[in-house]
Protein backbone atom coordinates (compact mmCIF):
# COMPACT_ATOMS: atom_id res chain seq x y z
CA MET A 1 0.02 -0.11 0.01
CA ASN A 2 1.28 3.27 -0.62
CA LYS A 3 2.51 5.13 2.26
CA ASN A 4 0.87 8.47 1.45
CA LYS A 5 -2.72 6.72 0.69
CA LYS A 6 -5.25 7.18 3.39
CA LEU A 7 -7.74 4.12 4.63
CA THR A 8 -11.03 3.77 2.81
CA VAL A 9 -14.21 3.87 4.67
CA THR A 10 -14.41 0.02 4.41
CA GLN A 11 -11.07 -0.24 6.39
CA GLU A 12 -12.06 2.32 8.94
CA LYS A 13 -15.25 0.01 9.52
CA VAL A 14 -13.20 -3.03 9.89
CA ILE A 15 -11.02 -1.11 12.36
CA GLU A 16 -14.19 -0.37 14.13
CA LEU A 17 -15.34 -3.86 14.22
CA LEU A 18 -12.03 -4.93 15.16
CA LEU A 19 -11.98 -2.94 18.24
CA MET A 20 -15.46 -4.02 18.97
CA SER A 21 -14.04 -7.72 19.30
CA LYS A 22 -15.75 -8.66 16.29
CA SER A 23 -13.98 -11.79 14.66
CA ILE A 24 -12.64 -11.69 11.03
CA SER A 25 -15.34 -14.20 10.16
CA GLU A 26 -18.06 -11.98 11.60
CA ILE A 27 -16.50 -8.81 9.74
CA SER A 28 -16.44 -10.70 6.60
CA THR A 29 -19.90 -11.78 6.86
CA GLU A 30 -21.20 -7.96 8.06
CA LEU A 31 -19.10 -6.09 5.23
CA LYS A 32 -19.39 -8.80 2.61
CA LEU A 33 -15.46 -8.80 2.44
CA SER A 34 -13.38 -12.04 1.83
CA ARG A 35 -11.61 -12.81 4.92
CA THR A 36 -8.27 -12.66 2.87
CA THR A 37 -8.78 -9.31 2.26
CA ILE A 38 -9.13 -8.51 5.97
CA TYR A 39 -6.29 -10.36 6.89
CA GLU A 40 -4.15 -8.83 4.37
CA TRP A 41 -5.34 -5.36 5.65
CA LYS A 42 -4.26 -6.38 9.24
CA LYS A 43 -0.64 -6.99 7.86
CA ASP A 44 -0.54 -3.49 6.03
CA SER A 45 1.64 -0.96 7.60
CA ILE A 46 -0.96 1.80 7.14
CA PHE A 47 -3.79 -0.02 8.38
CA GLU A 48 -1.82 -1.38 11.60
CA ALA A 49 -0.81 2.24 12.36
CA ASN A 50 -4.31 3.29 12.15
CA PHE A 51 -5.61 0.52 14.15
CA ASN A 52 -2.90 1.33 16.79
CA ILE A 53 -3.71 4.72 16.74
CA ARG A 54 -7.37 4.15 17.41
CA LYS A 55 -6.52 1.62 20.16
CA ARG A 56 -4.29 4.06 21.89
CA GLU A 57 -7.01 6.64 21.54
CA ILE A 58 -9.34 4.21 23.50
CA ARG A 59 -6.88 3.59 25.98
CA GLU A 60 -6.24 7.10 26.83
CA LYS A 61 -9.74 7.68 27.30
CA ILE A 62 -9.92 4.72 29.66
CA ASP A 63 -6.95 5.90 31.47
CA MET A 64 -8.52 9.15 32.14
CA GLU A 65 -12.03 8.02 33.40
CA LEU A 66 -9.94 5.39 35.68
CA TYR A 67 -7.77 8.41 36.96
CA ARG A 68 -11.03 10.28 37.74
CA LEU A 69 -12.25 7.39 39.77
CA THR A 70 -9.00 7.20 41.73
CA ASP A 71 -10.28 9.27 44.89
CA SER A 72 -13.42 6.87 45.04
CA ALA A 73 -11.43 4.01 44.76
CA VAL A 74 -9.08 4.82 47.52
CA GLU A 75 -11.99 5.89 49.67
CA THR A 76 -13.60 2.28 49.15
CA ILE A 77 -10.48 0.40 49.87
CA LYS A 78 -9.91 2.74 53.18
CA ASN A 79 -13.72 1.85 53.90
CA SER A 80 -12.88 -1.91 53.27
CA LEU A 81 -9.97 -1.87 55.90
CA ASN A 82 -12.54 -0.22 58.52
CA SER A 83 -15.24 -2.81 57.73
CA LYS A 84 -16.66 -4.65 60.55
CA ASN A 85 -16.12 -7.94 58.51
CA GLU A 86 -12.98 -9.37 59.18
CA SER A 87 -12.83 -11.32 56.11
CA VAL A 88 -13.11 -7.93 54.04
CA LYS A 89 -10.51 -6.41 56.07
CA LEU A 90 -8.18 -9.04 55.56
CA LYS A 91 -8.76 -9.79 52.01
CA THR A 92 -8.25 -5.91 51.31
CA ALA A 93 -5.12 -5.60 53.23
CA VAL A 94 -3.58 -8.57 51.55
CA PHE A 95 -4.42 -7.32 48.32
CA LEU A 96 -3.05 -3.79 49.01
CA LEU A 97 0.25 -5.44 50.36
CA ASN A 98 0.48 -7.48 47.04
CA LYS A 99 -0.03 -4.63 45.03
CA PHE A 100 2.43 -2.56 47.06
CA ASP A 101 4.88 -5.62 46.56
CA SER A 102 4.67 -5.62 43.01
CA TYR A 103 5.17 -1.86 42.53
CA LYS A 104 8.69 -1.60 41.33
CA ILE A 105 10.47 1.49 41.01
CA GLY A 106 13.03 1.55 38.27
CA SER A 107 16.63 3.02 38.39
CA GLU A 108 17.59 6.34 38.42
CA ASN A 109 20.80 5.96 37.12
CA PRO A 110 20.93 6.73 33.03
CA ASP A 111 23.83 4.28 32.50
CA VAL A 112 21.69 1.35 34.28
CA ILE A 113 18.56 2.29 32.50
CA ASP A 114 20.32 2.39 29.18
CA ARG A 115 21.99 -1.00 29.70
CA GLU A 116 18.75 -2.75 31.00
CA ASN A 117 16.95 -1.03 27.72
CA PHE A 118 20.20 -2.32 25.73
CA LEU A 119 19.68 -6.01 27.25
CA SER A 120 15.97 -6.02 26.70
CA GLU A 121 16.16 -5.93 23.05
CA PHE A 122 17.67 -9.48 22.65
């Protein structure tokens, strides 16, 4: 595909349906396209780039919405820790401890970061 070419309306619709978790077969039937065409489009760099842009846009919207809910979530966790139900308190505490334990902070040394990034390429 020509790198300057934009997607067709049909290709945009395929992306929309993929983002809705429709299968290739479902999309093929709905849009009266061959499955091969859709698979070929998925391999095309321009199609893939547009698909990734749309996924990123959706992810950013979700991230913003989750960020807005953070205060409410923290308040709910606090309430759970103060619950009269010992099981709820214990499960909440264990959940928090597990999350805290998995929260890793990377190096502050640029040389170490460069080396780790270099090694991760292999």
